[in-house]
Amino acid sequence: MKRFIIERQIPDAQDLTEAQLAGIAQTSNATVDSLGVPYRWITSYVAGDKIYCIHEADDEAAVREHARRGGFPADVVSVVANEFGPQTAEPAP
């Protein structure tokens, strides 16, 4: 599966309560279960008026179908080309 970053524009997202976030998570989980294709929600980050989600799927169409069925915006869907972090600075043995 490919890894995707999804940018969702949601006004006042930073003000969503724990209960509201739990409700969104429940909807997302149920939607994942309904897709009938390999799909995995990894995590999401709330920042200002946006929520950034990391999902794994075979293609962008599945990501967009998850958004449509769940009633979530998917303003930008980008496939992750590569990942790196602090450990990347060290050469592999």
PDB file of N, CA and C in Angstrom:
ATOM      1  N   MET A   1       0.839  -1.184   0.000  1.00  0.00           N
ATOM      2  CA  MET A   1       0.000   0.000   0.000  1.00  0.00           C
ATOM      3  C   MET A   1       0.885   1.248   0.000  1.00  0.00           C
ATOM      4  N   LYS A   2       0.355   2.296  -0.564  1.00  0.00           N
ATOM      5  CA  LYS A   2       1.040   3.580  -0.563  1.00  0.00           C
ATOM      6  C   LYS A   2       0.621   4.369   0.671  1.00  0.00           C
ATOM      7  N   ARG A   3       1.484   5.278   1.089  1.00  0.00           N
ATOM      8  CA  ARG A   3       1.159   6.157   2.218  1.00  0.00           C
ATOM      9  C   ARG A   3       0.785   7.526   1.656  1.00  0.00           C
ATOM     10  N   PHE A   4      -0.287   8.115   2.197  1.00  0.00           N
ATOM     11  CA  PHE A   4      -0.793   9.405   1.737  1.00  0.00           C
ATOM     12  C   PHE A   4      -0.857  10.393   2.892  1.00  0.00           C
ATOM     13  N   ILE A   5      -0.608  11.655   2.571  1.00  0.00           N
ATOM     14  CA  ILE A   5      -0.882  12.762   3.492  1.00  0.00           C
ATOM     15  C   ILE A   5      -2.109  13.472   2.939  1.00  0.00           C
ATOM     16  N   ILE A   6      -3.103  13.635   3.792  1.00  0.00           N
ATOM     17  CA  ILE A   6      -4.350  14.289   3.395  1.00  0.00           C
ATOM     18  C   ILE A   6      -4.477  15.579   4.183  1.00  0.00           C
ATOM     19  N   GLU A   7      -4.675  16.676   3.474  1.00  0.00           N
ATOM     20  CA  GLU A   7      -4.883  17.975   4.114  1.00  0.00           C
ATOM     21  C   GLU A   7      -6.374  18.289   4.064  1.00  0.00           C
ATOM     22  N   ARG A   8      -6.945  18.518   5.237  1.00  0.00           N
ATOM     23  CA  ARG A   8      -8.378  18.801   5.341  1.00  0.00           C
ATOM     24  C   ARG A   8      -8.567  20.201   5.940  1.00  0.00           C
ATOM     25  N   GLN A   9      -9.182  21.082   5.200  1.00  0.00           N
ATOM     26  CA  GLN A   9      -9.471  22.435   5.677  1.00  0.00           C
ATOM     27  C   GLN A   9     -10.752  22.377   6.497  1.00  0.00           C
ATOM     28  N   ILE A  10     -10.637  22.634   7.800  1.00  0.00           N
ATOM     29  CA  ILE A  10     -11.788  22.596   8.709  1.00  0.00           C
ATOM     30  C   ILE A  10     -11.706  23.837   9.597  1.00  0.00           C
ATOM     31  N   PRO A  11     -12.563  24.833   9.339  1.00  0.00           N
ATOM     32  CA  PRO A  11     -12.509  26.061  10.144  1.00  0.00           C
ATOM     33  C   PRO A  11     -12.550  25.755  11.640  1.00  0.00           C
ATOM     34  N   ASP A  12     -11.655  26.394  12.384  1.00  0.00           N
ATOM     35  CA  ASP A  12     -11.572  26.247  13.838  1.00  0.00           C
ATOM     36  C   ASP A  12     -11.283  24.815  14.290  1.00  0.00           C
ATOM     37  N   ALA A  13     -10.584  24.059  13.467  1.00  0.00           N
ATOM     38  CA  ALA A  13     -10.252  22.671  13.828  1.00  0.00           C
ATOM     39  C   ALA A  13      -9.541  22.609  15.176  1.00  0.00           C
ATOM     40  N   GLN A  14      -8.709  23.603  15.461  1.00  0.00           N
ATOM     41  CA  GLN A  14      -7.957  23.611  16.729  1.00  0.00           C
ATOM     42  C   GLN A  14      -8.879  23.687  17.938  1.00  0.00           C
ATOM     43  N   ASP A  15     -10.132  24.068  17.744  1.00  0.00           N
ATOM     44  CA  ASP A  15     -11.077  24.177  18.851  1.00  0.00           C
ATOM     45  C   ASP A  15     -11.958  22.932  19.024  1.00  0.00           C
ATOM     46  N   LEU A  16     -11.753  21.906  18.197  1.00  0.00           N
ATOM     47  CA  LEU A  16     -12.547  20.690  18.344  1.00  0.00           C
ATOM     48  C   LEU A  16     -12.274  20.062  19.702  1.00  0.00           C
ATOM     49  N   THR A  17     -13.310  19.608  20.359  1.00  0.00           N
ATOM     50  CA  THR A  17     -13.176  18.994  21.685  1.00  0.00           C
ATOM     51  C   THR A  17     -12.748  17.533  21.549  1.00  0.00           C
ATOM     52  N   GLU A  18     -12.329  16.960  22.660  1.00  0.00           N
ATOM     53  CA  GLU A  18     -11.970  15.534  22.668  1.00  0.00           C
ATOM     54  C   GLU A  18     -13.160  14.692  22.209  1.00  0.00           C
ATOM     55  N   ALA A  19     -14.363  15.062  22.635  1.00  0.00           N
ATOM     56  CA  ALA A  19     -15.564  14.319  22.246  1.00  0.00           C
ATOM     57  C   ALA A  19     -15.804  14.437  20.741  1.00  0.00           C
ATOM     58  N   GLN A  20     -15.604  15.620  20.193  1.00  0.00           N
ATOM     59  CA  GLN A  20     -15.784  15.801  18.751  1.00  0.00           C
ATOM     60  C   GLN A  20     -14.739  15.009  17.964  1.00  0.00           C
ATOM     61  N   LEU A  21     -13.488  15.024  18.432  1.00  0.00           N
ATOM     62  CA  LEU A  21     -12.440  14.253  17.770  1.00  0.00           C
ATOM     63  C   LEU A  21     -12.738  12.757  17.858  1.00  0.00           C
ATOM     64  N   ALA A  22     -13.259  12.312  18.998  1.00  0.00           N
ATOM     65  CA  ALA A  22     -13.633  10.907  19.144  1.00  0.00           C
ATOM     66  C   ALA A  22     -14.735  10.539  18.151  1.00  0.00           C
ATOM     67  N   GLY A  23     -15.693  11.431  17.963  1.00  0.00           N
ATOM     68  CA  GLY A  23     -16.771  11.195  16.998  1.00  0.00           C
ATOM     69  C   GLY A  23     -16.240  11.101  15.574  1.00  0.00           C
ATOM     70  N   ILE A  24     -15.301  11.979  15.239  1.00  0.00           N
ATOM     71  CA  ILE A  24     -14.676  11.934  13.915  1.00  0.00           C
ATOM     72  C   ILE A  24     -13.938  10.613  13.738  1.00  0.00           C
ATOM     73  N   ALA A  25     -13.225  10.187  14.773  1.00  0.00           N
ATOM     74  CA  ALA A  25     -12.483   8.921  14.714  1.00  0.00           C
ATOM     75  C   ALA A  25     -13.442   7.739  14.528  1.00  0.00           C
ATOM     76  N   GLN A  26     -14.559   7.753  15.229  1.00  0.00           N
ATOM     77  CA  GLN A  26     -15.537   6.672  15.095  1.00  0.00           C
ATOM     78  C   GLN A  26     -16.077   6.617  13.668  1.00  0.00           C
ATOM     79  N   THR A  27     -16.389   7.783  13.107  1.00  0.00           N
ATOM     80  CA  THR A  27     -16.882   7.834  11.731  1.00  0.00           C
ATOM     81  C   THR A  27     -15.820   7.326  10.762  1.00  0.00           C
ATOM     82  N   SER A  28     -14.575   7.760  10.961  1.00  0.00           N
ATOM     83  CA  SER A  28     -13.496   7.320  10.082  1.00  0.00           C
ATOM     84  C   SER A  28     -13.305   5.816  10.166  1.00  0.00           C
ATOM     85  N   ASN A  29     -13.285   5.261  11.372  1.00  0.00           N
ATOM     86  CA  ASN A  29     -13.099   3.812  11.549  1.00  0.00           C
ATOM     87  C   ASN A  29     -14.219   3.022  10.862  1.00  0.00           C
ATOM     88  N   ALA A  30     -15.449   3.473  11.026  1.00  0.00           N
ATOM     89  CA  ALA A  30     -16.583   2.787  10.399  1.00  0.00           C
ATOM     90  C   ALA A  30     -16.483   2.887   8.879  1.00  0.00           C
ATOM     91  N   THR A  31     -16.029   4.020   8.393  1.00  0.00           N
ATOM     92  CA  THR A  31     -15.882   4.201   6.955  1.00  0.00           C
ATOM     93  C   THR A  31     -14.783   3.296   6.410  1.00  0.00           C
ATOM     94  N   VAL A  32     -13.670   3.210   7.112  1.00  0.00           N
ATOM     95  CA  VAL A  32     -12.590   2.292   6.703  1.00  0.00           C
ATOM     96  C   VAL A  32     -13.147   0.873   6.594  1.00  0.00           C
ATOM     97  N   ASP A  33     -13.904   0.456   7.599  1.00  0.00           N
ATOM     98  CA  ASP A  33     -14.468  -0.901   7.607  1.00  0.00           C
ATOM     99  C   ASP A  33     -15.420  -1.133   6.442  1.00  0.00           C
ATOM    100  N   SER A  34     -16.070  -0.080   5.952  1.00  0.00           N
ATOM    101  CA  SER A  34     -17.060  -0.229   4.891  1.00  0.00           C
ATOM    102  C   SER A  34     -16.457  -0.235   3.490  1.00  0.00           C
ATOM    103  N   LEU A  35     -15.189   0.134   3.358  1.00  0.00           N
ATOM    104  CA  LEU A  35     -14.603   0.304   2.025  1.00  0.00           C
ATOM    105  C   LEU A  35     -14.433  -1.009   1.264  1.00  0.00           C
ATOM    106  N   GLY A  36     -14.115  -2.081   1.966  1.00  0.00           N
ATOM    107  CA  GLY A  36     -13.944  -3.357   1.292  1.00  0.00           C
ATOM    108  C   GLY A  36     -12.646  -3.481   0.508  1.00  0.00           C
ATOM    109  N   VAL A  37     -11.706  -2.593   0.776  1.00  0.00           N
ATOM    110  CA  VAL A  37     -10.394  -2.637   0.138  1.00  0.00           C
ATOM    111  C   VAL A  37      -9.340  -2.437   1.223  1.00  0.00           C
ATOM    112  N   PRO A  38      -8.091  -2.823   0.953  1.00  0.00           N
ATOM    113  CA  PRO A  38      -7.046  -2.576   1.948  1.00  0.00           C
ATOM    114  C   PRO A  38      -6.923  -1.081   2.234  1.00  0.00           C
ATOM    115  N   TYR A  39      -7.023  -0.720   3.508  1.00  0.00           N
ATOM    116  CA  TYR A  39      -7.007   0.696   3.881  1.00  0.00           C
ATOM    117  C   TYR A  39      -6.650   0.790   5.352  1.00  0.00           C
ATOM    118  N   ARG A  40      -5.792   1.735   5.691  1.00  0.00           N
ATOM    119  CA  ARG A  40      -5.408   1.900   7.090  1.00  0.00           C
ATOM    120  C   ARG A  40      -5.218   3.380   7.410  1.00  0.00           C
ATOM    121  N   TRP A  41      -5.878   3.823   8.471  1.00  0.00           N
ATOM    122  CA  TRP A  41      -5.682   5.177   8.985  1.00  0.00           C
ATOM    123  C   TRP A  41      -4.560   5.073  10.001  1.00  0.00           C
ATOM    124  N   ILE A  42      -3.490   5.845   9.807  1.00  0.00           N
ATOM    125  CA  ILE A  42      -2.337   5.782  10.694  1.00  0.00           C
ATOM    126  C   ILE A  42      -2.493   6.763  11.858  1.00  0.00           C
ATOM    127  N   THR A  43      -2.632   8.053  11.547  1.00  0.00           N
ATOM    128  CA  THR A  43      -2.792   9.081  12.587  1.00  0.00           C
ATOM    129  C   THR A  43      -3.223  10.383  11.930  1.00  0.00           C
ATOM    130  N   SER A  44      -3.602  11.348  12.765  1.00  0.00           N
ATOM    131  CA  SER A  44      -3.977  12.674  12.279  1.00  0.00           C
ATOM    132  C   SER A  44      -3.431  13.728  13.218  1.00  0.00           C
ATOM    133  N   TYR A  45      -3.185  14.908  12.657  1.00  0.00           N
ATOM    134  CA  TYR A  45      -2.654  16.041  13.415  1.00  0.00           C
ATOM    135  C   TYR A  45      -3.561  17.243  13.189  1.00  0.00           C
ATOM    136  N   VAL A  46      -3.911  17.933  14.265  1.00  0.00           N
ATOM    137  CA  VAL A  46      -4.713  19.142  14.180  1.00  0.00           C
ATOM    138  C   VAL A  46      -3.777  20.340  14.298  1.00  0.00           C
ATOM    139  N   ALA A  47      -3.861  21.255  13.341  1.00  0.00           N
ATOM    140  CA  ALA A  47      -3.016  22.452  13.340  1.00  0.00           C
ATOM    141  C   ALA A  47      -3.814  23.610  12.760  1.00  0.00           C
ATOM    142  N   GLY A  48      -4.197  24.535  13.634  1.00  0.00           N
ATOM    143  CA  GLY A  48      -4.968  25.693  13.161  1.00  0.00           C
ATOM    144  C   GLY A  48      -6.286  25.262  12.560  1.00  0.00           C
ATOM    145  N   ASP A  49      -6.530  25.695  11.331  1.00  0.00           N
ATOM    146  CA  ASP A  49      -7.778  25.389  10.633  1.00  0.00           C
ATOM    147  C   ASP A  49      -7.665  24.155   9.744  1.00  0.00           C
ATOM    148  N   LYS A  50      -6.691  23.300  10.031  1.00  0.00           N
ATOM    149  CA  LYS A  50      -6.495  22.128   9.189  1.00  0.00           C
ATOM    150  C   LYS A  50      -6.274  20.877  10.041  1.00  0.00           C
ATOM    151  N   ILE A  51      -6.630  19.764   9.446  1.00  0.00           N
ATOM    152  CA  ILE A  51      -6.283  18.463   9.991  1.00  0.00           C
ATOM    153  C   ILE A  51      -5.487  17.743   8.910  1.00  0.00           C
ATOM    154  N   TYR A  52      -4.328  17.245   9.301  1.00  0.00           N
ATOM    155  CA  TYR A  52      -3.464  16.491   8.399  1.00  0.00           C
ATOM    156  C   TYR A  52      -3.534  15.026   8.806  1.00  0.00           C
ATOM    157  N   CYS A  53      -3.886  14.169   7.865  1.00  0.00           N
ATOM    158  CA  CYS A  53      -4.061  12.755   8.154  1.00  0.00           C
ATOM    159  C   CYS A  53      -3.058  11.931   7.357  1.00  0.00           C
ATOM    160  N   ILE A  54      -2.594  10.865   7.973  1.00  0.00           N
ATOM    161  CA  ILE A  54      -1.733   9.905   7.312  1.00  0.00           C
ATOM    162  C   ILE A  54      -2.547   8.622   7.153  1.00  0.00           C
ATOM    163  N   HIS A  55      -2.739   8.216   5.918  1.00  0.00           N
ATOM    164  CA  HIS A  55      -3.485   7.001   5.610  1.00  0.00           C
ATOM    165  C   HIS A  55      -2.669   6.143   4.662  1.00  0.00           C
ATOM    166  N   GLU A  56      -2.938   4.852   4.664  1.00  0.00           N
ATOM    167  CA  GLU A  56      -2.341   3.932   3.701  1.00  0.00           C
ATOM    168  C   GLU A  56      -3.458   3.296   2.888  1.00  0.00           C
ATOM    169  N   ALA A  57      -3.249   3.275   1.570  1.00  0.00           N
ATOM    170  CA  ALA A  57      -4.233   2.705   0.651  1.00  0.00           C
ATOM    171  C   ALA A  57      -3.510   2.317  -0.637  1.00  0.00           C
ATOM    172  N   ASP A  58      -4.191   1.578  -1.479  1.00  0.00           N
ATOM    173  CA  ASP A  58      -3.590   1.190  -2.751  1.00  0.00           C
ATOM    174  C   ASP A  58      -3.517   2.360  -3.730  1.00  0.00           C
ATOM    175  N   ASP A  59      -4.482   3.281  -3.626  1.00  0.00           N
ATOM    176  CA  ASP A  59      -4.485   4.393  -4.581  1.00  0.00           C
ATOM    177  C   ASP A  59      -5.253   5.590  -4.014  1.00  0.00           C
ATOM    178  N   GLU A  60      -5.110   6.717  -4.701  1.00  0.00           N
ATOM    179  CA  GLU A  60      -5.766   7.958  -4.274  1.00  0.00           C
ATOM    180  C   GLU A  60      -7.282   7.838  -4.327  1.00  0.00           C
ATOM    181  N   ALA A  61      -7.798   7.045  -5.255  1.00  0.00           N
ATOM    182  CA  ALA A  61      -9.251   6.884  -5.368  1.00  0.00           C
ATOM    183  C   ALA A  61      -9.841   6.342  -4.066  1.00  0.00           C
ATOM    184  N   ALA A  62      -9.150   5.409  -3.422  1.00  0.00           N
ATOM    185  CA  ALA A  62      -9.636   4.861  -2.155  1.00  0.00           C
ATOM    186  C   ALA A  62      -9.634   5.925  -1.066  1.00  0.00           C
ATOM    187  N   VAL A  63      -8.604   6.767  -1.056  1.00  0.00           N
ATOM    188  CA  VAL A  63      -8.530   7.853  -0.074  1.00  0.00           C
ATOM    189  C   VAL A  63      -9.696   8.811  -0.281  1.00  0.00           C
ATOM    190  N   ARG A  64      -9.955   9.157  -1.526  1.00  0.00           N
ATOM    191  CA  ARG A  64     -11.051  10.089  -1.815  1.00  0.00           C
ATOM    192  C   ARG A  64     -12.416   9.464  -1.532  1.00  0.00           C
ATOM    193  N   GLU A  65     -12.545   8.166  -1.742  1.00  0.00           N
ATOM    194  CA  GLU A  65     -13.805   7.477  -1.425  1.00  0.00           C
ATOM    195  C   GLU A  65     -14.035   7.449   0.080  1.00  0.00           C
ATOM    196  N   HIS A  66     -12.969   7.243   0.854  1.00  0.00           N
ATOM    197  CA  HIS A  66     -13.077   7.307   2.319  1.00  0.00           C
ATOM    198  C   HIS A  66     -13.583   8.684   2.734  1.00  0.00           C
ATOM    199  N   ALA A  67     -13.020   9.725   2.143  1.00  0.00           N
ATOM    200  CA  ALA A  67     -13.436  11.095   2.472  1.00  0.00           C
ATOM    201  C   ALA A  67     -14.902  11.326   2.097  1.00  0.00           C
ATOM    202  N   ARG A  68     -15.289  10.865   0.925  1.00  0.00           N
ATOM    203  CA  ARG A  68     -16.669  11.064   0.461  1.00  0.00           C
ATOM    204  C   ARG A  68     -17.663  10.356   1.381  1.00  0.00           C
ATOM    205  N   ARG A  69     -17.399   9.088   1.663  1.00  0.00           N
ATOM    206  CA  ARG A  69     -18.319   8.317   2.508  1.00  0.00           C
ATOM    207  C   ARG A  69     -18.367   8.838   3.942  1.00  0.00           C
ATOM    208  N   GLY A  70     -17.226   9.309   4.441  1.00  0.00           N
ATOM    209  CA  GLY A  70     -17.166   9.796   5.813  1.00  0.00           C
ATOM    210  C   GLY A  70     -17.631  11.230   5.969  1.00  0.00           C
ATOM    211  N   GLY A  71     -17.799  11.934   4.836  1.00  0.00           N
ATOM    212  CA  GLY A  71     -18.201  13.338   4.899  1.00  0.00           C
ATOM    213  C   GLY A  71     -17.057  14.248   5.299  1.00  0.00           C
ATOM    214  N   PHE A  72     -15.821  13.809   5.015  1.00  0.00           N
ATOM    215  CA  PHE A  72     -14.633  14.600   5.356  1.00  0.00           C
ATOM    216  C   PHE A  72     -14.125  15.344   4.130  1.00  0.00           C
ATOM    217  N   PRO A  73     -13.647  16.575   4.291  1.00  0.00           N
ATOM    218  CA  PRO A  73     -12.979  17.206   3.158  1.00  0.00           C
ATOM    219  C   PRO A  73     -11.639  16.510   2.909  1.00  0.00           C
ATOM    220  N   ALA A  74     -11.215  16.505   1.672  1.00  0.00           N
ATOM    221  CA  ALA A  74      -9.879  16.010   1.302  1.00  0.00           C
ATOM    222  C   ALA A  74      -9.346  17.008   0.283  1.00  0.00           C
ATOM    223  N   ASP A  75      -8.935  18.167   0.794  1.00  0.00           N
ATOM    224  CA  ASP A  75      -8.547  19.272  -0.077  1.00  0.00           C
ATOM    225  C   ASP A  75      -7.283  18.976  -0.869  1.00  0.00           C
ATOM    226  N   VAL A  76      -6.324  18.327  -0.233  1.00  0.00           N
ATOM    227  CA  VAL A  76      -5.083  17.935  -0.904  1.00  0.00           C
ATOM    228  C   VAL A  76      -4.771  16.505  -0.487  1.00  0.00           C
ATOM    229  N   VAL A  77      -4.537  15.653  -1.473  1.00  0.00           N
ATOM    230  CA  VAL A  77      -4.136  14.270  -1.222  1.00  0.00           C
ATOM    231  C   VAL A  77      -2.811  14.056  -1.935  1.00  0.00           C
ATOM    232  N   SER A  78      -1.762  13.766  -1.156  1.00  0.00           N
ATOM    233  CA  SER A  78      -0.424  13.603  -1.726  1.00  0.00           C
ATOM    234  C   SER A  78       0.143  12.252  -1.321  1.00  0.00           C
ATOM    235  N   VAL A  79       0.707  11.554  -2.298  1.00  0.00           N
ATOM    236  CA  VAL A  79       1.378  10.294  -1.985  1.00  0.00           C
ATOM    237  C   VAL A  79       2.747  10.630  -1.396  1.00  0.00           C
ATOM    238  N   VAL A  80       3.142   9.912  -0.375  1.00  0.00           N
ATOM    239  CA  VAL A  80       4.438  10.124   0.260  1.00  0.00           C
ATOM    240  C   VAL A  80       5.500   9.450  -0.613  1.00  0.00           C
ATOM    241  N   ALA A  81       6.460  10.240  -1.075  1.00  0.00           N
ATOM    242  CA  ALA A  81       7.517   9.713  -1.934  1.00  0.00           C
ATOM    243  C   ALA A  81       8.624   9.044  -1.128  1.00  0.00           C
ATOM    244  N   ASN A  82       8.872   9.552   0.092  1.00  0.00           N
ATOM    245  CA  ASN A  82       9.939   9.025   0.919  1.00  0.00           C
ATOM    246  C   ASN A  82       9.742   9.546   2.333  1.00  0.00           C
ATOM    247  N   GLU A  83      10.408   8.937   3.294  1.00  0.00           N
ATOM    248  CA  GLU A  83      10.366   9.381   4.684  1.00  0.00           C
ATOM    249  C   GLU A  83      11.794   9.504   5.193  1.00  0.00           C
ATOM    250  N   PHE A  84      12.018  10.479   6.079  1.00  0.00           N
ATOM    251  CA  PHE A  84      13.333  10.602   6.715  1.00  0.00           C
ATOM    252  C   PHE A  84      13.165  11.284   8.051  1.00  0.00           C
ATOM    253  N   GLY A  85      14.172  11.191   8.867  1.00  0.00           N
ATOM    254  CA  GLY A  85      14.155  11.800  10.201  1.00  0.00           C
ATOM    255  C   GLY A  85      15.575  11.897  10.712  1.00  0.00           C
ATOM    256  N   PRO A  86      15.732  12.170  12.006  1.00  0.00           N
ATOM    257  CA  PRO A  86      17.059  12.347  12.570  1.00  0.00           C
ATOM    258  C   PRO A  86      17.978  11.144  12.337  1.00  0.00           C
ATOM    259  N   GLN A  87      17.408   9.945  12.377  1.00  0.00           N
ATOM    260  CA  GLN A  87      18.191   8.736  12.181  1.00  0.00           C
ATOM    261  C   GLN A  87      18.776   8.651  10.779  1.00  0.00           C
ATOM    262  N   THR A  88      18.189   9.376   9.823  1.00  0.00           N
ATOM    263  CA  THR A  88      18.650   9.352   8.442  1.00  0.00           C
ATOM    264  C   THR A  88      20.039   9.970   8.300  1.00  0.00           C
ATOM    265  N   ALA A  89      20.440  10.823   9.237  1.00  0.00           N
ATOM    266  CA  ALA A  89      21.736  11.488   9.163  1.00  0.00           C
ATOM    267  C   ALA A  89      22.895  10.514   9.326  1.00  0.00           C
ATOM    268  N   GLU A  90      22.649   9.382   9.955  1.00  0.00           N
ATOM    269  CA  GLU A  90      23.686   8.383  10.179  1.00  0.00           C
ATOM    270  C   GLU A  90      23.727   7.405   9.010  1.00  0.00           C
ATOM    271  N   PRO A  91      24.905   7.148   8.477  1.00  0.00           N
ATOM    272  CA  PRO A  91      24.979   6.180   7.367  1.00  0.00           C
ATOM    273  C   PRO A  91      24.597   4.776   7.846  1.00  0.00           C
ATOM    274  N   ALA A  92      23.987   4.045   6.963  1.00  0.00           N
ATOM    275  CA  ALA A  92      23.618   2.655   7.280  1.00  0.00           C
ATOM    276  C   ALA A  92      24.880   1.822   7.442  1.00  0.00           C
ATOM    277  N   PRO A  93      24.867   0.861   8.367  1.00  0.00           N
ATOM    278  CA  PRO A  93      26.072   0.022   8.571  1.00  0.00           C
ATOM    279  C   PRO A  93      26.313  -0.902   7.394  1.00  0.00           C
TER     280      PRO A  93
END
